[in-house]
């Protein structure tokens, strides 16, 4: 069984590939799942946050790999 990354009372956080982590638990085990996958939005652009211009770049890991590869990633 995977070791929790963080645990406090009834809140437990696991770190890893969600598809691999979920395989280690019985069906209907979780009340909620939170995921923060790459959204492939780091494209050199900017947005407005709190009235200031800020970069949307998160890093290489969030850059688009092209339409088909991005689609295939999210299809799983």
C-alpha atoms as a PDB file:
ATOM      1  CA  UNK A   1       0.000   0.000   0.000  1.00  0.00           C
ATOM      2  CA  UNK A   2       1.246   3.467  -0.879  1.00  0.00           C
ATOM      3  CA  UNK A   3       2.349   5.662   2.026  1.00  0.00           C
ATOM      4  CA  UNK A   4       0.464   8.984   2.452  1.00  0.00           C
ATOM      5  CA  UNK A   5       2.371  12.085   1.375  1.00  0.00           C
ATOM      6  CA  UNK A   6       0.493  14.157   3.974  1.00  0.00           C
ATOM      7  CA  UNK A   7      -2.040  13.204   6.638  1.00  0.00           C
ATOM      8  CA  UNK A   8      -4.078  15.213   9.147  1.00  0.00           C
ATOM      9  CA  UNK A   9      -7.149  13.785  10.887  1.00  0.00           C
ATOM     10  CA  UNK A  10      -9.454  12.530   8.092  1.00  0.00           C
ATOM     11  CA  UNK A  11      -7.537  14.330   5.329  1.00  0.00           C
ATOM     12  CA  UNK A  12      -4.990  12.159   3.522  1.00  0.00           C
ATOM     13  CA  UNK A  13      -2.971  13.245   0.495  1.00  0.00           C
ATOM     14  CA  UNK A  14      -1.233  10.770  -1.809  1.00  0.00           C
ATOM     15  CA  UNK A  15       1.389  11.888  -4.304  1.00  0.00           C
ATOM     16  CA  UNK A  16       1.767  10.071  -7.593  1.00  0.00           C
ATOM     17  CA  UNK A  17       0.215   9.140 -10.894  1.00  0.00           C
ATOM     18  CA  UNK A  18      -3.472   8.937  -9.965  1.00  0.00           C
ATOM     19  CA  UNK A  19      -4.091   5.945 -12.232  1.00  0.00           C
ATOM     20  CA  UNK A  20      -1.335   3.996 -10.467  1.00  0.00           C
ATOM     21  CA  UNK A  21      -2.309   5.174  -6.962  1.00  0.00           C
ATOM     22  CA  UNK A  22      -5.980   4.263  -7.464  1.00  0.00           C
ATOM     23  CA  UNK A  23      -5.072   0.682  -8.378  1.00  0.00           C
ATOM     24  CA  UNK A  24      -3.858   0.192  -4.804  1.00  0.00           C
ATOM     25  CA  UNK A  25      -7.274   0.854  -3.223  1.00  0.00           C
ATOM     26  CA  UNK A  26     -10.606  -0.991  -3.302  1.00  0.00           C
ATOM     27  CA  UNK A  27     -13.495   0.325  -5.383  1.00  0.00           C
ATOM     28  CA  UNK A  28     -15.494   3.184  -3.769  1.00  0.00           C
ATOM     29  CA  UNK A  29     -12.749   3.859  -1.206  1.00  0.00           C
ATOM     30  CA  UNK A  30     -12.498   7.649  -1.665  1.00  0.00           C
ATOM     31  CA  UNK A  31     -14.953  10.457  -0.912  1.00  0.00           C
ATOM     32  CA  UNK A  32     -13.116  12.938  -3.150  1.00  0.00           C
ATOM     33  CA  UNK A  33     -10.186  13.031  -5.562  1.00  0.00           C
ATOM     34  CA  UNK A  34      -8.296  16.245  -6.360  1.00  0.00           C
ATOM     35  CA  UNK A  35      -5.937  16.279  -9.294  1.00  0.00           C
ATOM     36  CA  UNK A  36      -3.707  18.965 -10.743  1.00  0.00           C
ATOM     37  CA  UNK A  37      -2.523  17.580 -14.059  1.00  0.00           C
ATOM     38  CA  UNK A  38      -0.571  19.591 -16.575  1.00  0.00           C
ATOM     39  CA  UNK A  39      -3.074  21.634 -18.546  1.00  0.00           C
ATOM     40  CA  UNK A  40      -0.522  22.543 -21.236  1.00  0.00           C
ATOM     41  CA  UNK A  41      -1.261  26.253 -20.923  1.00  0.00           C
ATOM     42  CA  UNK A  42       2.315  27.568 -20.620  1.00  0.00           C
ATOM     43  CA  UNK A  43       2.504  29.174 -24.028  1.00  0.00           C
ATOM     44  CA  UNK A  44       4.392  32.398 -23.403  1.00  0.00           C
ATOM     45  CA  UNK A  45       1.192  34.322 -22.739  1.00  0.00           C
ATOM     46  CA  UNK A  46       0.007  36.643 -19.995  1.00  0.00           C
ATOM     47  CA  UNK A  47      -3.160  37.120 -17.969  1.00  0.00           C
ATOM     48  CA  UNK A  48      -4.492  39.709 -15.557  1.00  0.00           C
ATOM     49  CA  UNK A  49      -4.493  38.851 -11.839  1.00  0.00           C
ATOM     50  CA  UNK A  50      -5.472  41.384  -9.167  1.00  0.00           C
ATOM     51  CA  UNK A  51      -5.101  44.166 -11.707  1.00  0.00           C
ATOM     52  CA  UNK A  52      -1.554  43.190 -12.677  1.00  0.00           C
ATOM     53  CA  UNK A  53      -0.147  41.565 -15.794  1.00  0.00           C
ATOM     54  CA  UNK A  54       1.292  38.138 -14.918  1.00  0.00           C
ATOM     55  CA  UNK A  55       2.837  35.320 -16.931  1.00  0.00           C
ATOM     56  CA  UNK A  56       0.857  32.105 -17.429  1.00  0.00           C
ATOM     57  CA  UNK A  57       4.050  30.059 -17.795  1.00  0.00           C
ATOM     58  CA  UNK A  58       4.376  27.358 -15.138  1.00  0.00           C
ATOM     59  CA  UNK A  59       7.430  25.647 -16.649  1.00  0.00           C
ATOM     60  CA  UNK A  60       8.484  23.174 -19.340  1.00  0.00           C
ATOM     61  CA  UNK A  61       6.274  20.458 -17.790  1.00  0.00           C
ATOM     62  CA  UNK A  62       3.155  22.512 -18.664  1.00  0.00           C
ATOM     63  CA  UNK A  63       4.019  23.437 -22.248  1.00  0.00           C
ATOM     64  CA  UNK A  64       1.830  22.126 -25.049  1.00  0.00           C
ATOM     65  CA  UNK A  65       3.204  19.162 -26.975  1.00  0.00           C
ATOM     66  CA  UNK A  66       0.854  19.850 -29.898  1.00  0.00           C
ATOM     67  CA  UNK A  67      -2.858  19.282 -30.321  1.00  0.00           C
ATOM     68  CA  UNK A  68      -2.792  15.512 -30.832  1.00  0.00           C
ATOM     69  CA  UNK A  69      -0.350  14.727 -28.013  1.00  0.00           C
ATOM     70  CA  UNK A  70      -2.212  17.039 -25.589  1.00  0.00           C
ATOM     71  CA  UNK A  71      -5.500  15.358 -26.546  1.00  0.00           C
ATOM     72  CA  UNK A  72      -4.014  11.870 -26.076  1.00  0.00           C
ATOM     73  CA  UNK A  73      -2.679  12.853 -22.635  1.00  0.00           C
ATOM     74  CA  UNK A  74      -6.100  14.003 -21.408  1.00  0.00           C
ATOM     75  CA  UNK A  75      -7.997  11.139 -23.058  1.00  0.00           C
ATOM     76  CA  UNK A  76      -6.636   8.557 -20.590  1.00  0.00           C
END
